[in-house]
Amino acid sequence: MEKLKLGKYKHFKGKFYQVVGVGKHSESLEDVVIYRALYDSEEFGDKAIWVRPLKLFIENVNVGDKVVPRFEFVE
């Protein structure tokens, strides 16, 4: 399992999330990141909990002419 710092991350679109752990998908055994939104959403609820494959969480994305991390560690 790849190490990932627990703590606050900023998504490339600007919202903040708190990574609470890395777990395993029960069927595929793929590493997944468990994280909580640090904002309230009418669509998903207050401080919704999310799960994303680790490889997608740590990947870089293209924004205009720049390549940036999908999630950047803040603190």
PDB file of N, CA and C in Angstrom:
ATOM      1  N   MET A   1       0.855  -1.190   0.000  1.00  0.00           N
ATOM      2  CA  MET A   1       0.000   0.000   0.000  1.00  0.00           C
ATOM      3  C   MET A   1       0.892   1.243   0.000  1.00  0.00           C
ATOM      4  N   GLU A   2       0.631   2.143  -0.921  1.00  0.00           N
ATOM      5  CA  GLU A   2       1.394   3.384  -1.006  1.00  0.00           C
ATOM      6  C   GLU A   2       1.043   4.293   0.163  1.00  0.00           C
ATOM      7  N   LYS A   3       2.067   4.953   0.719  1.00  0.00           N
ATOM      8  CA  LYS A   3       1.841   5.866   1.839  1.00  0.00           C
ATOM      9  C   LYS A   3       1.230   7.164   1.334  1.00  0.00           C
ATOM     10  N   LEU A   4       0.271   7.661   2.087  1.00  0.00           N
ATOM     11  CA  LEU A   4      -0.367   8.937   1.783  1.00  0.00           C
ATOM     12  C   LEU A   4      -0.501   9.674   3.101  1.00  0.00           C
ATOM     13  N   LYS A   5      -0.083  10.930   3.125  1.00  0.00           N
ATOM     14  CA  LYS A   5      -0.208  11.718   4.353  1.00  0.00           C
ATOM     15  C   LYS A   5      -1.676  11.932   4.678  1.00  0.00           C
ATOM     16  N   LEU A   6      -2.014  11.721   5.940  1.00  0.00           N
ATOM     17  CA  LEU A   6      -3.351  12.073   6.392  1.00  0.00           C
ATOM     18  C   LEU A   6      -3.380  13.576   6.613  1.00  0.00           C
ATOM     19  N   GLY A   7      -4.508  14.201   6.396  1.00  0.00           N
ATOM     20  CA  GLY A   7      -4.606  15.637   6.623  1.00  0.00           C
ATOM     21  C   GLY A   7      -5.454  16.316   5.578  1.00  0.00           C
ATOM     22  N   LYS A   8      -5.267  17.614   5.491  1.00  0.00           N
ATOM     23  CA  LYS A   8      -6.092  18.463   4.636  1.00  0.00           C
ATOM     24  C   LYS A   8      -5.482  18.573   3.237  1.00  0.00           C
ATOM     25  N   TYR A   9      -6.343  18.425   2.231  1.00  0.00           N
ATOM     26  CA  TYR A   9      -5.941  18.520   0.830  1.00  0.00           C
ATOM     27  C   TYR A   9      -6.840  19.509   0.103  1.00  0.00           C
ATOM     28  N   LYS A  10      -6.261  20.144  -0.917  1.00  0.00           N
ATOM     29  CA  LYS A  10      -7.031  21.042  -1.772  1.00  0.00           C
ATOM     30  C   LYS A  10      -7.181  20.382  -3.141  1.00  0.00           C
ATOM     31  N   HIS A  11      -8.429  20.253  -3.593  1.00  0.00           N
ATOM     32  CA  HIS A  11      -8.716  19.715  -4.921  1.00  0.00           C
ATOM     33  C   HIS A  11      -8.366  20.779  -5.953  1.00  0.00           C
ATOM     34  N   PHE A  12      -7.959  20.368  -7.134  1.00  0.00           N
ATOM     35  CA  PHE A  12      -7.537  21.343  -8.145  1.00  0.00           C
ATOM     36  C   PHE A  12      -8.644  22.322  -8.530  1.00  0.00           C
ATOM     37  N   LYS A  13      -9.911  21.989  -8.232  1.00  0.00           N
ATOM     38  CA  LYS A  13     -11.011  22.917  -8.515  1.00  0.00           C
ATOM     39  C   LYS A  13     -11.260  23.877  -7.354  1.00  0.00           C
ATOM     40  N   GLY A  14     -10.521  23.699  -6.227  1.00  0.00           N
ATOM     41  CA  GLY A  14     -10.569  24.689  -5.157  1.00  0.00           C
ATOM     42  C   GLY A  14     -11.156  24.275  -3.831  1.00  0.00           C
ATOM     43  N   LYS A  15     -11.909  23.184  -3.761  1.00  0.00           N
ATOM     44  CA  LYS A  15     -12.524  22.790  -2.489  1.00  0.00           C
ATOM     45  C   LYS A  15     -11.543  21.983  -1.645  1.00  0.00           C
ATOM     46  N   PHE A  16     -11.807  21.954  -0.334  1.00  0.00           N
ATOM     47  CA  PHE A  16     -10.907  21.286   0.600  1.00  0.00           C
ATOM     48  C   PHE A  16     -11.522  20.005   1.151  1.00  0.00           C
ATOM     49  N   TYR A  17     -10.634  19.041   1.434  1.00  0.00           N
ATOM     50  CA  TYR A  17     -11.030  17.727   1.917  1.00  0.00           C
ATOM     51  C   TYR A  17     -10.059  17.264   2.996  1.00  0.00           C
ATOM     52  N   GLN A  18     -10.536  16.414   3.890  1.00  0.00           N
ATOM     53  CA  GLN A  18      -9.719  15.837   4.947  1.00  0.00           C
ATOM     54  C   GLN A  18      -9.555  14.349   4.670  1.00  0.00           C
ATOM     55  N   VAL A  19      -8.336  13.919   4.391  1.00  0.00           N
ATOM     56  CA  VAL A  19      -8.073  12.496   4.189  1.00  0.00           C
ATOM     57  C   VAL A  19      -8.017  11.829   5.560  1.00  0.00           C
ATOM     58  N   VAL A  20      -8.861  10.809   5.733  1.00  0.00           N
ATOM     59  CA  VAL A  20      -8.934  10.121   7.027  1.00  0.00           C
ATOM     60  C   VAL A  20      -8.280   8.753   6.995  1.00  0.00           C
ATOM     61  N   GLY A  21      -8.006   8.226   5.810  1.00  0.00           N
ATOM     62  CA  GLY A  21      -7.327   6.939   5.746  1.00  0.00           C
ATOM     63  C   GLY A  21      -7.242   6.393   4.342  1.00  0.00           C
ATOM     64  N   VAL A  22      -6.494   5.298   4.237  1.00  0.00           N
ATOM     65  CA  VAL A  22      -6.387   4.541   2.994  1.00  0.00           C
ATOM     66  C   VAL A  22      -6.817   3.122   3.332  1.00  0.00           C
ATOM     67  N   GLY A  23      -7.716   2.580   2.532  1.00  0.00           N
ATOM     68  CA  GLY A  23      -8.213   1.234   2.774  1.00  0.00           C
ATOM     69  C   GLY A  23      -8.118   0.384   1.527  1.00  0.00           C
ATOM     70  N   LYS A  24      -8.730  -0.767   1.584  1.00  0.00           N
ATOM     71  CA  LYS A  24      -8.754  -1.696   0.458  1.00  0.00           C
ATOM     72  C   LYS A  24     -10.190  -1.896  -0.018  1.00  0.00           C
ATOM     73  N   HIS A  25     -10.363  -1.933  -1.316  1.00  0.00           N
ATOM     74  CA  HIS A  25     -11.663  -2.282  -1.881  1.00  0.00           C
ATOM     75  C   HIS A  25     -11.909  -3.748  -1.544  1.00  0.00           C
ATOM     76  N   SER A  26     -13.096  -4.066  -1.066  1.00  0.00           N
ATOM     77  CA  SER A  26     -13.370  -5.420  -0.575  1.00  0.00           C
ATOM     78  C   SER A  26     -13.356  -6.488  -1.664  1.00  0.00           C
ATOM     79  N   GLU A  27     -13.584  -6.132  -2.902  1.00  0.00           N
ATOM     80  CA  GLU A  27     -13.605  -7.121  -3.989  1.00  0.00           C
ATOM     81  C   GLU A  27     -12.292  -7.163  -4.760  1.00  0.00           C
ATOM     82  N   SER A  28     -11.794  -5.992  -5.144  1.00  0.00           N
ATOM     83  CA  SER A  28     -10.604  -5.940  -6.004  1.00  0.00           C
ATOM     84  C   SER A  28      -9.301  -5.813  -5.226  1.00  0.00           C
ATOM     85  N   LEU A  29      -9.393  -5.477  -3.942  1.00  0.00           N
ATOM     86  CA  LEU A  29      -8.238  -5.212  -3.072  1.00  0.00           C
ATOM     87  C   LEU A  29      -7.437  -3.991  -3.513  1.00  0.00           C
ATOM     88  N   GLU A  30      -8.022  -3.172  -4.385  1.00  0.00           N
ATOM     89  CA  GLU A  30      -7.382  -1.921  -4.820  1.00  0.00           C
ATOM     90  C   GLU A  30      -7.327  -0.956  -3.639  1.00  0.00           C
ATOM     91  N   ASP A  31      -6.223  -0.200  -3.527  1.00  0.00           N
ATOM     92  CA  ASP A  31      -6.109   0.828  -2.493  1.00  0.00           C
ATOM     93  C   ASP A  31      -7.069   1.965  -2.813  1.00  0.00           C
ATOM     94  N   VAL A  32      -7.819   2.402  -1.797  1.00  0.00           N
ATOM     95  CA  VAL A  32      -8.741   3.520  -1.951  1.00  0.00           C
ATOM     96  C   VAL A  32      -8.502   4.542  -0.845  1.00  0.00           C
ATOM     97  N   VAL A  33      -8.710   5.800  -1.168  1.00  0.00           N
ATOM     98  CA  VAL A  33      -8.572   6.891  -0.206  1.00  0.00           C
ATOM     99  C   VAL A  33      -9.953   7.227   0.335  1.00  0.00           C
ATOM    100  N   ILE A  34     -10.059   7.342   1.654  1.00  0.00           N
ATOM    101  CA  ILE A  34     -11.305   7.732   2.304  1.00  0.00           C
ATOM    102  C   ILE A  34     -11.109   9.168   2.776  1.00  0.00           C
ATOM    103  N   TYR A  35     -11.998  10.054   2.328  1.00  0.00           N
ATOM    104  CA  TYR A  35     -11.822  11.462   2.668  1.00  0.00           C
ATOM    105  C   TYR A  35     -13.167  12.143   2.843  1.00  0.00           C
ATOM    106  N   ARG A  36     -13.144  13.218   3.626  1.00  0.00           N
ATOM    107  CA  ARG A  36     -14.358  13.957   3.978  1.00  0.00           C
ATOM    108  C   ARG A  36     -14.290  15.356   3.396  1.00  0.00           C
ATOM    109  N   ALA A  37     -15.398  15.786   2.795  1.00  0.00           N
ATOM    110  CA  ALA A  37     -15.497  17.158   2.299  1.00  0.00           C
ATOM    111  C   ALA A  37     -15.476  18.116   3.490  1.00  0.00           C
ATOM    112  N   LEU A  38     -14.790  19.211   3.354  1.00  0.00           N
ATOM    113  CA  LEU A  38     -14.749  20.223   4.407  1.00  0.00           C
ATOM    114  C   LEU A  38     -15.671  21.389   4.047  1.00  0.00           C
ATOM    115  N   TYR A  39     -16.808  21.031   3.487  1.00  0.00           N
ATOM    116  CA  TYR A  39     -17.826  22.010   3.103  1.00  0.00           C
ATOM    117  C   TYR A  39     -19.180  21.305   3.116  1.00  0.00           C
ATOM    118  N   ASP A  40     -20.222  22.080   3.103  1.00  0.00           N
ATOM    119  CA  ASP A  40     -21.580  21.533   3.064  1.00  0.00           C
ATOM    120  C   ASP A  40     -22.105  21.606   1.631  1.00  0.00           C
ATOM    121  N   SER A  41     -22.899  20.606   1.249  1.00  0.00           N
ATOM    122  CA  SER A  41     -23.430  20.528  -0.103  1.00  0.00           C
ATOM    123  C   SER A  41     -24.908  20.161  -0.055  1.00  0.00           C
ATOM    124  N   GLU A  42     -25.711  20.891  -0.775  1.00  0.00           N
ATOM    125  CA  GLU A  42     -27.135  20.535  -0.863  1.00  0.00           C
ATOM    126  C   GLU A  42     -27.299  19.187  -1.566  1.00  0.00           C
ATOM    127  N   GLU A  43     -26.456  18.914  -2.525  1.00  0.00           N
ATOM    128  CA  GLU A  43     -26.565  17.686  -3.316  1.00  0.00           C
ATOM    129  C   GLU A  43     -26.083  16.446  -2.561  1.00  0.00           C
ATOM    130  N   PHE A  44     -24.967  16.574  -1.813  1.00  0.00           N
ATOM    131  CA  PHE A  44     -24.352  15.399  -1.185  1.00  0.00           C
ATOM    132  C   PHE A  44     -24.422  15.400   0.337  1.00  0.00           C
ATOM    133  N   GLY A  45     -24.905  16.470   0.928  1.00  0.00           N
ATOM    134  CA  GLY A  45     -25.006  16.548   2.380  1.00  0.00           C
ATOM    135  C   GLY A  45     -23.840  17.281   3.008  1.00  0.00           C
ATOM    136  N   ASP A  46     -23.967  17.473   4.306  1.00  0.00           N
ATOM    137  CA  ASP A  46     -22.940  18.202   5.048  1.00  0.00           C
ATOM    138  C   ASP A  46     -21.717  17.320   5.275  1.00  0.00           C
ATOM    139  N   LYS A  47     -20.563  17.830   4.853  1.00  0.00           N
ATOM    140  CA  LYS A  47     -19.284  17.152   5.067  1.00  0.00           C
ATOM    141  C   LYS A  47     -19.337  15.687   4.625  1.00  0.00           C
ATOM    142  N   ALA A  48     -19.759  15.485   3.388  1.00  0.00           N
ATOM    143  CA  ALA A  48     -19.925  14.148   2.802  1.00  0.00           C
ATOM    144  C   ALA A  48     -18.616  13.369   2.825  1.00  0.00           C
ATOM    145  N   ILE A  49     -18.738  12.064   2.948  1.00  0.00           N
ATOM    146  CA  ILE A  49     -17.578  11.172   2.905  1.00  0.00           C
ATOM    147  C   ILE A  49     -17.469  10.599   1.499  1.00  0.00           C
ATOM    148  N   TRP A  50     -16.229  10.593   0.998  1.00  0.00           N
ATOM    149  CA  TRP A  50     -15.952  10.132  -0.361  1.00  0.00           C
ATOM    150  C   TRP A  50     -14.901   9.029  -0.346  1.00  0.00           C
ATOM    151  N   VAL A  51     -14.896   8.221  -1.400  1.00  0.00           N
ATOM    152  CA  VAL A  51     -13.886   7.184  -1.599  1.00  0.00           C
ATOM    153  C   VAL A  51     -13.432   7.284  -3.048  1.00  0.00           C
ATOM    154  N   ARG A  52     -12.116   7.237  -3.243  1.00  0.00           N
ATOM    155  CA  ARG A  52     -11.561   7.319  -4.603  1.00  0.00           C
ATOM    156  C   ARG A  52     -10.353   6.387  -4.669  1.00  0.00           C
ATOM    157  N   PRO A  53     -10.168   5.693  -5.784  1.00  0.00           N
ATOM    158  CA  PRO A  53      -8.958   4.878  -5.918  1.00  0.00           C
ATOM    159  C   PRO A  53      -7.705   5.729  -5.695  1.00  0.00           C
ATOM    160  N   LEU A  54      -6.762   5.187  -4.947  1.00  0.00           N
ATOM    161  CA  LEU A  54      -5.531   5.917  -4.632  1.00  0.00           C
ATOM    162  C   LEU A  54      -4.842   6.411  -5.894  1.00  0.00           C
ATOM    163  N   LYS A  55      -4.773   5.572  -6.924  1.00  0.00           N
ATOM    164  CA  LYS A  55      -4.066   5.981  -8.142  1.00  0.00           C
ATOM    165  C   LYS A  55      -4.700   7.209  -8.786  1.00  0.00           C
ATOM    166  N   LEU A  56      -6.019   7.379  -8.634  1.00  0.00           N
ATOM    167  CA  LEU A  56      -6.677   8.575  -9.170  1.00  0.00           C
ATOM    168  C   LEU A  56      -6.511   9.766  -8.226  1.00  0.00           C
ATOM    169  N   PHE A  57      -6.447   9.504  -6.933  1.00  0.00           N
ATOM    170  CA  PHE A  57      -6.289  10.583  -5.960  1.00  0.00           C
ATOM    171  C   PHE A  57      -4.935  11.280  -6.135  1.00  0.00           C
ATOM    172  N   ILE A  58      -3.881  10.499  -6.391  1.00  0.00           N
ATOM    173  CA  ILE A  58      -2.530  11.067  -6.440  1.00  0.00           C
ATOM    174  C   ILE A  58      -2.089  11.467  -7.848  1.00  0.00           C
ATOM    175  N   GLU A  59      -2.952  11.254  -8.844  1.00  0.00           N
ATOM    176  CA  GLU A  59      -2.538  11.569 -10.212  1.00  0.00           C
ATOM    177  C   GLU A  59      -2.529  13.075 -10.474  1.00  0.00           C
ATOM    178  N   ASN A  60      -1.849  13.445 -11.547  1.00  0.00           N
ATOM    179  CA  ASN A  60      -1.849  14.824 -12.026  1.00  0.00           C
ATOM    180  C   ASN A  60      -2.916  14.976 -13.101  1.00  0.00           C
ATOM    181  N   VAL A  61      -3.433  16.206 -13.225  1.00  0.00           N
ATOM    182  CA  VAL A  61      -4.445  16.520 -14.235  1.00  0.00           C
ATOM    183  C   VAL A  61      -4.010  17.749 -15.024  1.00  0.00           C
ATOM    184  N   ASN A  62      -4.522  17.867 -16.229  1.00  0.00           N
ATOM    185  CA  ASN A  62      -4.237  19.034 -17.068  1.00  0.00           C
ATOM    186  C   ASN A  62      -5.273  20.108 -16.793  1.00  0.00           C
ATOM    187  N   VAL A  63      -4.784  21.305 -16.484  1.00  0.00           N
ATOM    188  CA  VAL A  63      -5.647  22.469 -16.280  1.00  0.00           C
ATOM    189  C   VAL A  63      -5.096  23.565 -17.186  1.00  0.00           C
ATOM    190  N   GLY A  64      -5.798  23.787 -18.275  1.00  0.00           N
ATOM    191  CA  GLY A  64      -5.281  24.735 -19.260  1.00  0.00           C
ATOM    192  C   GLY A  64      -3.987  24.203 -19.832  1.00  0.00           C
ATOM    193  N   ASP A  65      -2.925  24.976 -19.694  1.00  0.00           N
ATOM    194  CA  ASP A  65      -1.619  24.540 -20.211  1.00  0.00           C
ATOM    195  C   ASP A  65      -0.704  24.047 -19.091  1.00  0.00           C
ATOM    196  N   LYS A  66      -1.257  23.795 -17.903  1.00  0.00           N
ATOM    197  CA  LYS A  66      -0.460  23.329 -16.766  1.00  0.00           C
ATOM    198  C   LYS A  66      -0.863  21.923 -16.358  1.00  0.00           C
ATOM    199  N   VAL A  67       0.090  21.204 -15.776  1.00  0.00           N
ATOM    200  CA  VAL A  67      -0.173  19.911 -15.166  1.00  0.00           C
ATOM    201  C   VAL A  67      -0.070  20.114 -13.660  1.00  0.00           C
ATOM    202  N   VAL A  68      -1.144  19.790 -12.940  1.00  0.00           N
ATOM    203  CA  VAL A  68      -1.195  20.014 -11.505  1.00  0.00           C
ATOM    204  C   VAL A  68      -1.691  18.751 -10.806  1.00  0.00           C
ATOM    205  N   PRO A  69      -1.377  18.616  -9.511  1.00  0.00           N
ATOM    206  CA  PRO A  69      -1.926  17.455  -8.788  1.00  0.00           C
ATOM    207  C   PRO A  69      -3.449  17.570  -8.651  1.00  0.00           C
ATOM    208  N   ARG A  70      -4.148  16.432  -8.754  1.00  0.00           N
ATOM    209  CA  ARG A  70      -5.593  16.433  -8.557  1.00  0.00           C
ATOM    210  C   ARG A  70      -5.899  16.922  -7.143  1.00  0.00           C
ATOM    211  N   PHE A  71      -5.153  16.416  -6.154  1.00  0.00           N
ATOM    212  CA  PHE A  71      -5.269  16.842  -4.767  1.00  0.00           C
ATOM    213  C   PHE A  71      -3.881  17.229  -4.277  1.00  0.00           C
ATOM    214  N   GLU A  72      -3.792  18.393  -3.655  1.00  0.00           N
ATOM    215  CA  GLU A  72      -2.516  18.887  -3.129  1.00  0.00           C
ATOM    216  C   GLU A  72      -2.581  18.939  -1.618  1.00  0.00           C
ATOM    217  N   PHE A  73      -1.580  18.331  -0.953  1.00  0.00           N
ATOM    218  CA  PHE A  73      -1.531  18.341   0.517  1.00  0.00           C
ATOM    219  C   PHE A  73      -1.336  19.775   1.001  1.00  0.00           C
ATOM    220  N   VAL A  74      -2.128  20.169   1.987  1.00  0.00           N
ATOM    221  CA  VAL A  74      -2.078  21.536   2.530  1.00  0.00           C
ATOM    222  C   VAL A  74      -1.496  21.522   3.937  1.00  0.00           C
ATOM    223  N   GLU A  75      -2.032  20.655   4.795  1.00  0.00           N
ATOM    224  CA  GLU A  75      -1.553  20.587   6.183  1.00  0.00           C
ATOM    225  C   GLU A  75      -1.932  19.281   6.833  1.00  0.00           C
TER     226      GLU A  75
END
